[in-house]
Amino acid sequence: MPKMKTHRGAAKRFKRRKSGVIGRKKSTVTHNLTSKSSKRKMHLRKPAVVHKSDQDRVKRLLPN
């Protein structure tokens, strides 16, 4: 059986943390920033974690 290839689009968006959970960036941070409050933009900068129900699906895309 051939090696499993990493899904390159997923590799650019998700990173596996030391604890095993998969981290992601929050959305809606790239444009229309004038309509968002400073508090909202500040909280959007912090990294997030992929939801439990999606963990297995993302791990399948990132075998290595």
C-alpha atoms as a PDB file:
ATOM      1  CA  MET A   1       0.000   0.000   0.000  1.00  0.00           C
ATOM      2  CA  PRO A   2       1.440   3.447  -0.888  1.00  0.00           C
ATOM      3  CA  LYS A   3       2.198   6.095   1.683  1.00  0.00           C
ATOM      4  CA  MET A   4      -0.588   8.446   2.695  1.00  0.00           C
ATOM      5  CA  LYS A   5      -0.069  11.951   1.387  1.00  0.00           C
ATOM      6  CA  THR A   6      -0.625  15.019   3.528  1.00  0.00           C
ATOM      7  CA  HIS A   7      -3.437  17.275   2.360  1.00  0.00           C
ATOM      8  CA  ARG A   8      -1.444  20.432   1.655  1.00  0.00           C
ATOM      9  CA  GLY A   9      -4.410  22.785   2.088  1.00  0.00           C
ATOM     10  CA  ALA A  10      -5.074  21.351   5.537  1.00  0.00           C
ATOM     11  CA  ALA A  11      -1.376  21.458   6.463  1.00  0.00           C
ATOM     12  CA  LYS A  12      -1.349  25.221   5.893  1.00  0.00           C
ATOM     13  CA  ARG A  13      -4.404  25.758   8.110  1.00  0.00           C
ATOM     14  CA  PHE A  14      -3.977  23.322  11.014  1.00  0.00           C
ATOM     15  CA  LYS A  15      -1.098  22.514  13.365  1.00  0.00           C
ATOM     16  CA  ARG A  16      -0.918  19.617  15.789  1.00  0.00           C
ATOM     17  CA  ARG A  17      -0.035  20.712  19.327  1.00  0.00           C
ATOM     18  CA  LYS A  18       2.088  18.798  21.821  1.00  0.00           C
ATOM     19  CA  SER A  19      -1.020  17.648  23.684  1.00  0.00           C
ATOM     20  CA  GLY A  20      -2.362  16.046  20.483  1.00  0.00           C
ATOM     21  CA  VAL A  21      -5.197  18.483  19.817  1.00  0.00           C
ATOM     22  CA  ILE A  22      -5.257  20.352  16.531  1.00  0.00           C
ATOM     23  CA  GLY A  23      -5.008  24.127  16.527  1.00  0.00           C
ATOM     24  CA  ARG A  24      -6.455  26.537  13.994  1.00  0.00           C
ATOM     25  CA  LYS A  25      -6.762  30.266  13.384  1.00  0.00           C
ATOM     26  CA  LYS A  26     -10.038  32.068  13.823  1.00  0.00           C
ATOM     27  CA  SER A  27     -11.874  33.377  10.790  1.00  0.00           C
ATOM     28  CA  THR A  28     -13.011  36.880   9.741  1.00  0.00           C
ATOM     29  CA  VAL A  29      -9.730  38.585  10.695  1.00  0.00           C
ATOM     30  CA  THR A  30      -8.517  39.512   7.228  1.00  0.00           C
ATOM     31  CA  HIS A  31     -10.883  42.165   5.874  1.00  0.00           C
ATOM     32  CA  ASN A  32     -13.616  44.644   6.865  1.00  0.00           C
ATOM     33  CA  LEU A  33     -11.711  45.368  10.058  1.00  0.00           C
ATOM     34  CA  THR A  34     -13.110  48.873  10.465  1.00  0.00           C
ATOM     35  CA  SER A  35     -16.535  47.508  11.332  1.00  0.00           C
ATOM     36  CA  LYS A  36     -15.147  45.236  14.063  1.00  0.00           C
ATOM     37  CA  SER A  37     -14.419  46.500  17.559  1.00  0.00           C
ATOM     38  CA  SER A  38     -10.896  46.448  18.981  1.00  0.00           C
ATOM     39  CA  LYS A  39     -11.972  43.924  21.588  1.00  0.00           C
ATOM     40  CA  ARG A  40     -13.354  41.596  18.942  1.00  0.00           C
ATOM     41  CA  LYS A  41     -10.187  41.856  16.816  1.00  0.00           C
ATOM     42  CA  MET A  42      -8.017  41.223  19.865  1.00  0.00           C
ATOM     43  CA  HIS A  43      -9.879  38.009  20.691  1.00  0.00           C
ATOM     44  CA  LEU A  44      -9.785  36.862  17.055  1.00  0.00           C
ATOM     45  CA  ARG A  45      -5.969  36.956  17.135  1.00  0.00           C
ATOM     46  CA  LYS A  46      -5.793  34.176  19.714  1.00  0.00           C
ATOM     47  CA  PRO A  47      -5.465  30.618  18.399  1.00  0.00           C
ATOM     48  CA  ALA A  48      -8.402  28.245  18.632  1.00  0.00           C
ATOM     49  CA  VAL A  49      -8.808  24.481  18.815  1.00  0.00           C
ATOM     50  CA  VAL A  50     -10.594  22.302  16.274  1.00  0.00           C
ATOM     51  CA  HIS A  51     -13.865  20.996  17.712  1.00  0.00           C
ATOM     52  CA  LYS A  52     -13.988  17.447  19.058  1.00  0.00           C
ATOM     53  CA  SER A  53     -16.383  16.310  16.357  1.00  0.00           C
ATOM     54  CA  ASP A  54     -13.966  17.444  13.609  1.00  0.00           C
ATOM     55  CA  GLN A  55     -10.698  16.190  15.173  1.00  0.00           C
ATOM     56  CA  ASP A  56     -10.773  12.761  13.479  1.00  0.00           C
ATOM     57  CA  ARG A  57     -11.543  14.261  10.083  1.00  0.00           C
ATOM     58  CA  VAL A  58      -8.627  16.697  10.272  1.00  0.00           C
ATOM     59  CA  LYS A  59      -6.232  14.043  11.626  1.00  0.00           C
ATOM     60  CA  ARG A  60      -7.023  11.922   8.578  1.00  0.00           C
ATOM     61  CA  LEU A  61      -5.894  14.817   6.361  1.00  0.00           C
ATOM     62  CA  LEU A  62      -2.650  15.194   8.341  1.00  0.00           C
ATOM     63  CA  PRO A  63      -1.208  11.665   8.647  1.00  0.00           C
ATOM     64  CA  ASN A  64       2.408  12.744   9.226  1.00  0.00           C
END
